[in-house]
């Protein structure tokens, strides 16, 4: 869970979508500009790379569980859809997000909301090796509501594009009608609970009209 609120950083316009980050402002081989690791050790986990003219964020976790967050506020009523691309490379051995002692994922994306001075609420979207797609999980005493978007290791090494309706998911999973303004996104490729390794890539974060 991220600690504290994230500040505002604007994006660029592209038709019906607003780009949060395409990593074009970061030099290849560096930690992404305008992102914040939850702990300093996260700077070694996340690195911007380029492949076939696509800039993306490579995550390599060796027994670590550290988020990287991108501050970004947006109007959910106008742009309820969060879109991105991701690619699993190495699933953590023995991971199963349904149990605290094995709660690791090759890929996870968060939409982050304000809560208190010391905590945030999050919608977490996961590509799990074993938990069936569509399953709803919860963690951090209910402050993190989890949707498993994809399941299985068959597409390891392949890019997939996701589009989730954050507005609808917040209402459905937090059971609230008053929706706070999102303050950012975050990613987590972790392997601390299984004491193994995990690798994955993230690209083309955007918010879009329905």
C-alpha atoms as a PDB file:
ATOM      1  CA  UNK A   1       0.000   0.000   0.000  1.00  0.00           C
ATOM      2  CA  UNK A   2       1.234   3.447  -0.855  1.00  0.00           C
ATOM      3  CA  UNK A   3       1.683   5.864   2.006  1.00  0.00           C
ATOM      4  CA  UNK A   4       0.549   9.463   1.832  1.00  0.00           C
ATOM      5  CA  UNK A   5      -1.231  11.322  -0.940  1.00  0.00           C
ATOM      6  CA  UNK A   6       0.227  11.837  -4.368  1.00  0.00           C
ATOM      7  CA  UNK A   7       0.389  15.265  -5.981  1.00  0.00           C
ATOM      8  CA  UNK A   8      -0.953  16.321  -9.368  1.00  0.00           C
ATOM      9  CA  UNK A   9       0.990  15.827 -12.575  1.00  0.00           C
ATOM     10  CA  UNK A  10      -0.690  16.507 -15.907  1.00  0.00           C
ATOM     11  CA  UNK A  11      -0.738  14.297 -18.985  1.00  0.00           C
ATOM     12  CA  UNK A  12      -0.834  14.870 -22.733  1.00  0.00           C
ATOM     13  CA  UNK A  13      -3.888  14.692 -24.974  1.00  0.00           C
ATOM     14  CA  UNK A  14      -4.394  12.028 -27.634  1.00  0.00           C
ATOM     15  CA  UNK A  15      -7.927  11.988 -29.032  1.00  0.00           C
ATOM     16  CA  UNK A  16     -10.344  10.400 -26.583  1.00  0.00           C
ATOM     17  CA  UNK A  17      -7.538   9.491 -24.201  1.00  0.00           C
ATOM     18  CA  UNK A  18      -5.116  11.362 -21.959  1.00  0.00           C
ATOM     19  CA  UNK A  19      -1.628   9.863 -21.744  1.00  0.00           C
ATOM     20  CA  UNK A  20      -0.442   9.312 -18.193  1.00  0.00           C
ATOM     21  CA  UNK A  21       2.966   8.046 -19.258  1.00  0.00           C
ATOM     22  CA  UNK A  22       4.558   6.476 -22.322  1.00  0.00           C
ATOM     23  CA  UNK A  23       8.034   6.716 -20.728  1.00  0.00           C
ATOM     24  CA  UNK A  24       9.320   8.906 -23.579  1.00  0.00           C
ATOM     25  CA  UNK A  25      10.616  11.468 -21.050  1.00  0.00           C
ATOM     26  CA  UNK A  26      12.948   8.950 -19.434  1.00  0.00           C
ATOM     27  CA  UNK A  27      16.346   7.855 -20.730  1.00  0.00           C
ATOM     28  CA  UNK A  28      16.647   4.148 -21.444  1.00  0.00           C
ATOM     29  CA  UNK A  29      18.197   2.376 -18.493  1.00  0.00           C
ATOM     30  CA  UNK A  30      16.909   4.786 -15.843  1.00  0.00           C
ATOM     31  CA  UNK A  31      14.168   4.751 -13.216  1.00  0.00           C
ATOM     32  CA  UNK A  32      11.105   6.448 -14.779  1.00  0.00           C
ATOM     33  CA  UNK A  33      10.891  10.228 -14.519  1.00  0.00           C
ATOM     34  CA  UNK A  34       8.027  11.546 -12.362  1.00  0.00           C
ATOM     35  CA  UNK A  35       7.524   8.173 -10.676  1.00  0.00           C
ATOM     36  CA  UNK A  36       8.161   7.542  -6.979  1.00  0.00           C
ATOM     37  CA  UNK A  37       9.311   4.252  -5.449  1.00  0.00           C
ATOM     38  CA  UNK A  38       7.724   3.360  -2.130  1.00  0.00           C
ATOM     39  CA  UNK A  39      11.233   2.549  -0.898  1.00  0.00           C
ATOM     40  CA  UNK A  40      14.574   3.586  -2.373  1.00  0.00           C
ATOM     41  CA  UNK A  41      15.361  -0.051  -3.208  1.00  0.00           C
ATOM     42  CA  UNK A  42      12.550   0.150  -5.770  1.00  0.00           C
ATOM     43  CA  UNK A  43      14.790   2.224  -8.023  1.00  0.00           C
ATOM     44  CA  UNK A  44      16.704  -0.969  -8.751  1.00  0.00           C
ATOM     45  CA  UNK A  45      13.510  -2.891  -9.550  1.00  0.00           C
ATOM     46  CA  UNK A  46      11.998  -0.614 -12.238  1.00  0.00           C
ATOM     47  CA  UNK A  47      13.886   0.490 -15.362  1.00  0.00           C
ATOM     48  CA  UNK A  48      12.754   2.074 -18.625  1.00  0.00           C
ATOM     49  CA  UNK A  49      13.742   0.073 -21.722  1.00  0.00           C
ATOM     50  CA  UNK A  50      12.966   0.301 -25.436  1.00  0.00           C
ATOM     51  CA  UNK A  51      12.089  -2.416 -27.945  1.00  0.00           C
ATOM     52  CA  UNK A  52      10.921  -1.895 -31.534  1.00  0.00           C
ATOM     53  CA  UNK A  53      10.422   1.837 -30.857  1.00  0.00           C
ATOM     54  CA  UNK A  54       8.228   1.084 -27.811  1.00  0.00           C
ATOM     55  CA  UNK A  55       9.326   2.547 -24.490  1.00  0.00           C
ATOM     56  CA  UNK A  56       8.222   0.498 -21.508  1.00  0.00           C
ATOM     57  CA  UNK A  57       8.867  -0.100 -17.844  1.00  0.00           C
ATOM     58  CA  UNK A  58      10.740  -3.304 -16.997  1.00  0.00           C
ATOM     59  CA  UNK A  59      10.275  -4.681 -13.477  1.00  0.00           C
ATOM     60  CA  UNK A  60      12.707  -7.234 -12.073  1.00  0.00           C
ATOM     61  CA  UNK A  61      12.033  -8.334  -8.494  1.00  0.00           C
ATOM     62  CA  UNK A  62      14.386 -10.593  -6.566  1.00  0.00           C
ATOM     63  CA  UNK A  63      12.627 -11.320  -3.296  1.00  0.00           C
ATOM     64  CA  UNK A  64      11.251  -7.760  -3.079  1.00  0.00           C
ATOM     65  CA  UNK A  65       7.785  -6.228  -2.932  1.00  0.00           C
ATOM     66  CA  UNK A  66       8.100  -2.502  -3.682  1.00  0.00           C
ATOM     67  CA  UNK A  67       5.610  -0.365  -5.591  1.00  0.00           C
ATOM     68  CA  UNK A  68       6.444   2.440  -7.999  1.00  0.00           C
ATOM     69  CA  UNK A  69       3.806   5.173  -8.258  1.00  0.00           C
ATOM     70  CA  UNK A  70       3.022   7.879 -10.821  1.00  0.00           C
ATOM     71  CA  UNK A  71       1.192  10.910  -9.384  1.00  0.00           C
ATOM     72  CA  UNK A  72      -1.686  11.840 -11.698  1.00  0.00           C
ATOM     73  CA  UNK A  73      -5.119  13.305 -11.008  1.00  0.00           C
ATOM     74  CA  UNK A  74      -7.964  12.910 -13.484  1.00  0.00           C
ATOM     75  CA  UNK A  75     -11.729  13.389 -13.774  1.00  0.00           C
ATOM     76  CA  UNK A  76     -13.306   9.947 -13.482  1.00  0.00           C
ATOM     77  CA  UNK A  77     -16.669  11.148 -14.765  1.00  0.00           C
ATOM     78  CA  UNK A  78     -15.086  12.247 -18.054  1.00  0.00           C
ATOM     79  CA  UNK A  79     -12.351   9.591 -18.275  1.00  0.00           C
ATOM     80  CA  UNK A  80     -13.485   6.505 -16.332  1.00  0.00           C
ATOM     81  CA  UNK A  81     -11.382   4.026 -18.323  1.00  0.00           C
ATOM     82  CA  UNK A  82      -7.786   3.212 -17.399  1.00  0.00           C
ATOM     83  CA  UNK A  83      -5.818   1.591 -20.231  1.00  0.00           C
ATOM     84  CA  UNK A  84      -2.349   0.058 -20.413  1.00  0.00           C
ATOM     85  CA  UNK A  85      -0.257  -2.727 -21.892  1.00  0.00           C
ATOM     86  CA  UNK A  86       1.605  -5.362 -19.920  1.00  0.00           C
ATOM     87  CA  UNK A  87       3.737  -8.436 -20.548  1.00  0.00           C
ATOM     88  CA  UNK A  88       4.605 -11.154 -17.987  1.00  0.00           C
ATOM     89  CA  UNK A  89       8.127 -12.523 -18.240  1.00  0.00           C
ATOM     90  CA  UNK A  90       8.620 -14.541 -15.038  1.00  0.00           C
ATOM     91  CA  UNK A  91       5.869 -15.557 -12.634  1.00  0.00           C
ATOM     92  CA  UNK A  92       6.943 -15.862  -8.977  1.00  0.00           C
ATOM     93  CA  UNK A  93       7.282 -19.519  -8.023  1.00  0.00           C
ATOM     94  CA  UNK A  94       4.415 -20.755  -5.880  1.00  0.00           C
ATOM     95  CA  UNK A  95       2.517 -17.472  -5.977  1.00  0.00           C
ATOM     96  CA  UNK A  96      -1.213 -17.432  -5.204  1.00  0.00           C
ATOM     97  CA  UNK A  97      -2.803 -14.048  -4.495  1.00  0.00           C
ATOM     98  CA  UNK A  98      -5.551 -15.660  -2.392  1.00  0.00           C
ATOM     99  CA  UNK A  99      -3.192 -16.282   0.555  1.00  0.00           C
ATOM    100  CA  UNK A 100      -1.102 -13.678   2.393  1.00  0.00           C
ATOM    101  CA  UNK A 101       1.966 -15.913   2.542  1.00  0.00           C
ATOM    102  CA  UNK A 102       2.012 -16.347  -1.268  1.00  0.00           C
ATOM    103  CA  UNK A 103       0.568 -12.991  -2.356  1.00  0.00           C
ATOM    104  CA  UNK A 104       3.007 -12.168  -5.171  1.00  0.00           C
ATOM    105  CA  UNK A 105       2.297 -11.257  -8.801  1.00  0.00           C
ATOM    106  CA  UNK A 106       4.312 -10.893 -11.968  1.00  0.00           C
ATOM    107  CA  UNK A 107       2.143  -7.897 -12.888  1.00  0.00           C
ATOM    108  CA  UNK A 108      -0.169  -5.600 -10.934  1.00  0.00           C
ATOM    109  CA  UNK A 109      -1.526  -2.126 -11.720  1.00  0.00           C
ATOM    110  CA  UNK A 110      -3.238   0.158  -9.203  1.00  0.00           C
ATOM    111  CA  UNK A 111      -5.588   3.108  -9.443  1.00  0.00           C
ATOM    112  CA  UNK A 112      -4.901   5.077  -6.267  1.00  0.00           C
ATOM    113  CA  UNK A 113      -7.352   7.227  -4.260  1.00  0.00           C
ATOM    114  CA  UNK A 114      -6.937   9.458  -1.196  1.00  0.00           C
ATOM    115  CA  UNK A 115      -7.998   8.065   2.172  1.00  0.00           C
ATOM    116  CA  UNK A 116      -6.147   9.472   5.199  1.00  0.00           C
ATOM    117  CA  UNK A 117      -2.874  11.276   5.820  1.00  0.00           C
ATOM    118  CA  UNK A 118      -1.213   7.905   6.321  1.00  0.00           C
ATOM    119  CA  UNK A 119      -3.044   5.655   3.867  1.00  0.00           C
ATOM    120  CA  UNK A 120      -4.707   5.416   0.466  1.00  0.00           C
ATOM    121  CA  UNK A 121      -7.403   3.304  -1.121  1.00  0.00           C
ATOM    122  CA  UNK A 122      -6.569   1.332  -4.256  1.00  0.00           C
ATOM    123  CA  UNK A 123      -8.113  -0.704  -7.001  1.00  0.00           C
ATOM    124  CA  UNK A 124      -5.567  -3.373  -7.899  1.00  0.00           C
ATOM    125  CA  UNK A 125      -5.614  -5.213 -11.235  1.00  0.00           C
ATOM    126  CA  UNK A 126      -3.601  -8.422 -11.389  1.00  0.00           C
ATOM    127  CA  UNK A 127      -2.300 -10.934 -13.908  1.00  0.00           C
ATOM    128  CA  UNK A 128      -2.174 -14.077 -11.785  1.00  0.00           C
ATOM    129  CA  UNK A 129      -0.513 -17.380 -12.549  1.00  0.00           C
ATOM    130  CA  UNK A 130      -3.209 -19.432 -10.822  1.00  0.00           C
ATOM    131  CA  UNK A 131      -6.165 -17.382  -9.548  1.00  0.00           C
ATOM    132  CA  UNK A 132      -9.062 -17.522 -12.048  1.00  0.00           C
ATOM    133  CA  UNK A 133      -9.742 -14.371 -14.059  1.00  0.00           C
ATOM    134  CA  UNK A 134     -12.710 -12.429 -12.745  1.00  0.00           C
ATOM    135  CA  UNK A 135     -12.101 -13.281  -9.112  1.00  0.00           C
ATOM    136  CA  UNK A 136     -12.415 -10.483  -6.548  1.00  0.00           C
ATOM    137  CA  UNK A 137      -9.926 -10.333  -3.665  1.00  0.00           C
ATOM    138  CA  UNK A 138      -9.238  -7.859  -0.873  1.00  0.00           C
ATOM    139  CA  UNK A 139      -6.161  -6.849   1.126  1.00  0.00           C
ATOM    140  CA  UNK A 140      -4.809  -4.102   3.401  1.00  0.00           C
ATOM    141  CA  UNK A 141      -7.863  -4.368   5.671  1.00  0.00           C
ATOM    142  CA  UNK A 142     -10.138  -3.703   2.738  1.00  0.00           C
ATOM    143  CA  UNK A 143      -8.324  -0.587   1.542  1.00  0.00           C
ATOM    144  CA  UNK A 144      -7.123  -2.489  -1.542  1.00  0.00           C
ATOM    145  CA  UNK A 145      -9.780  -4.135  -3.694  1.00  0.00           C
ATOM    146  CA  UNK A 146      -8.359  -6.573  -6.235  1.00  0.00           C
ATOM    147  CA  UNK A 147      -9.646  -7.746  -9.608  1.00  0.00           C
ATOM    148  CA  UNK A 148      -7.879 -10.614 -11.358  1.00  0.00           C
ATOM    149  CA  UNK A 149      -7.905  -9.577 -15.026  1.00  0.00           C
ATOM    150  CA  UNK A 150      -5.904 -12.453 -16.478  1.00  0.00           C
ATOM    151  CA  UNK A 151      -4.897 -15.889 -15.298  1.00  0.00           C
ATOM    152  CA  UNK A 152      -2.334 -18.435 -16.441  1.00  0.00           C
ATOM    153  CA  UNK A 153       1.211 -18.481 -17.749  1.00  0.00           C
ATOM    154  CA  UNK A 154       0.486 -19.476 -21.354  1.00  0.00           C
ATOM    155  CA  UNK A 155       0.959 -15.922 -22.673  1.00  0.00           C
ATOM    156  CA  UNK A 156       4.273 -15.372 -20.928  1.00  0.00           C
ATOM    157  CA  UNK A 157       6.415 -13.094 -23.088  1.00  0.00           C
ATOM    158  CA  UNK A 158       3.416 -11.651 -24.977  1.00  0.00           C
ATOM    159  CA  UNK A 159       2.005  -8.138 -24.710  1.00  0.00           C
ATOM    160  CA  UNK A 160      -1.660  -7.728 -23.784  1.00  0.00           C
ATOM    161  CA  UNK A 161      -3.731  -4.543 -23.651  1.00  0.00           C
ATOM    162  CA  UNK A 162      -6.172  -3.836 -20.823  1.00  0.00           C
ATOM    163  CA  UNK A 163      -9.084  -1.404 -20.444  1.00  0.00           C
ATOM    164  CA  UNK A 164     -10.841  -1.207 -17.081  1.00  0.00           C
ATOM    165  CA  UNK A 165     -13.653   1.090 -15.979  1.00  0.00           C
ATOM    166  CA  UNK A 166     -12.261   2.489 -12.738  1.00  0.00           C
ATOM    167  CA  UNK A 167     -15.450   4.405 -11.919  1.00  0.00           C
ATOM    168  CA  UNK A 168     -17.630   1.296 -12.142  1.00  0.00           C
ATOM    169  CA  UNK A 169     -15.099  -0.852 -10.303  1.00  0.00           C
ATOM    170  CA  UNK A 170     -14.800   1.625  -7.422  1.00  0.00           C
ATOM    171  CA  UNK A 171     -18.574   1.720  -6.956  1.00  0.00           C
ATOM    172  CA  UNK A 172     -18.917  -2.040  -7.159  1.00  0.00           C
ATOM    173  CA  UNK A 173     -15.943  -3.067  -5.022  1.00  0.00           C
ATOM    174  CA  UNK A 174     -15.892  -0.339  -2.357  1.00  0.00           C
ATOM    175  CA  UNK A 175     -19.711  -0.132  -2.223  1.00  0.00           C
ATOM    176  CA  UNK A 176     -19.577   3.678  -2.219  1.00  0.00           C
ATOM    177  CA  UNK A 177     -21.465   6.223  -4.300  1.00  0.00           C
ATOM    178  CA  UNK A 178     -19.199   9.199  -3.521  1.00  0.00           C
ATOM    179  CA  UNK A 179     -16.094   8.630  -5.642  1.00  0.00           C
ATOM    180  CA  UNK A 180     -12.933  10.575  -4.723  1.00  0.00           C
ATOM    181  CA  UNK A 181     -10.658  11.968  -7.429  1.00  0.00           C
ATOM    182  CA  UNK A 182      -7.857   9.502  -8.221  1.00  0.00           C
ATOM    183  CA  UNK A 183      -4.422  10.769  -7.264  1.00  0.00           C
ATOM    184  CA  UNK A 184      -2.284   8.414  -9.309  1.00  0.00           C
ATOM    185  CA  UNK A 185      -1.452   4.960 -10.552  1.00  0.00           C
ATOM    186  CA  UNK A 186       1.087   2.432  -9.354  1.00  0.00           C
ATOM    187  CA  UNK A 187       2.666  -0.824 -10.445  1.00  0.00           C
ATOM    188  CA  UNK A 188       3.920  -3.771  -8.436  1.00  0.00           C
ATOM    189  CA  UNK A 189       5.923  -6.759  -9.587  1.00  0.00           C
ATOM    190  CA  UNK A 190       6.707  -8.597  -6.364  1.00  0.00           C
ATOM    191  CA  UNK A 191       8.214 -11.806  -5.066  1.00  0.00           C
ATOM    192  CA  UNK A 192       8.829 -11.116  -1.379  1.00  0.00           C
ATOM    193  CA  UNK A 193       6.228 -13.479   0.078  1.00  0.00           C
ATOM    194  CA  UNK A 194       7.321 -16.454  -2.024  1.00  0.00           C
ATOM    195  CA  UNK A 195      11.004 -15.494  -1.682  1.00  0.00           C
ATOM    196  CA  UNK A 196      11.418 -16.073  -5.411  1.00  0.00           C
ATOM    197  CA  UNK A 197      11.772 -13.859  -8.497  1.00  0.00           C
ATOM    198  CA  UNK A 198       9.325 -12.063 -10.770  1.00  0.00           C
ATOM    199  CA  UNK A 199       9.668 -10.075 -13.987  1.00  0.00           C
ATOM    200  CA  UNK A 200       7.245  -8.132 -16.152  1.00  0.00           C
ATOM    201  CA  UNK A 201       6.801  -5.104 -18.417  1.00  0.00           C
ATOM    202  CA  UNK A 202       4.347  -2.174 -18.456  1.00  0.00           C
ATOM    203  CA  UNK A 203       3.619   0.364 -21.215  1.00  0.00           C
ATOM    204  CA  UNK A 204       1.260   3.038 -22.572  1.00  0.00           C
ATOM    205  CA  UNK A 205      -0.669   4.136 -19.500  1.00  0.00           C
ATOM    206  CA  UNK A 206      -3.719   6.243 -20.456  1.00  0.00           C
ATOM    207  CA  UNK A 207      -7.118   7.332 -19.197  1.00  0.00           C
ATOM    208  CA  UNK A 208      -9.916   7.321 -21.754  1.00  0.00           C
ATOM    209  CA  UNK A 209     -13.529   8.192 -22.376  1.00  0.00           C
ATOM    210  CA  UNK A 210     -15.924   5.228 -22.291  1.00  0.00           C
END
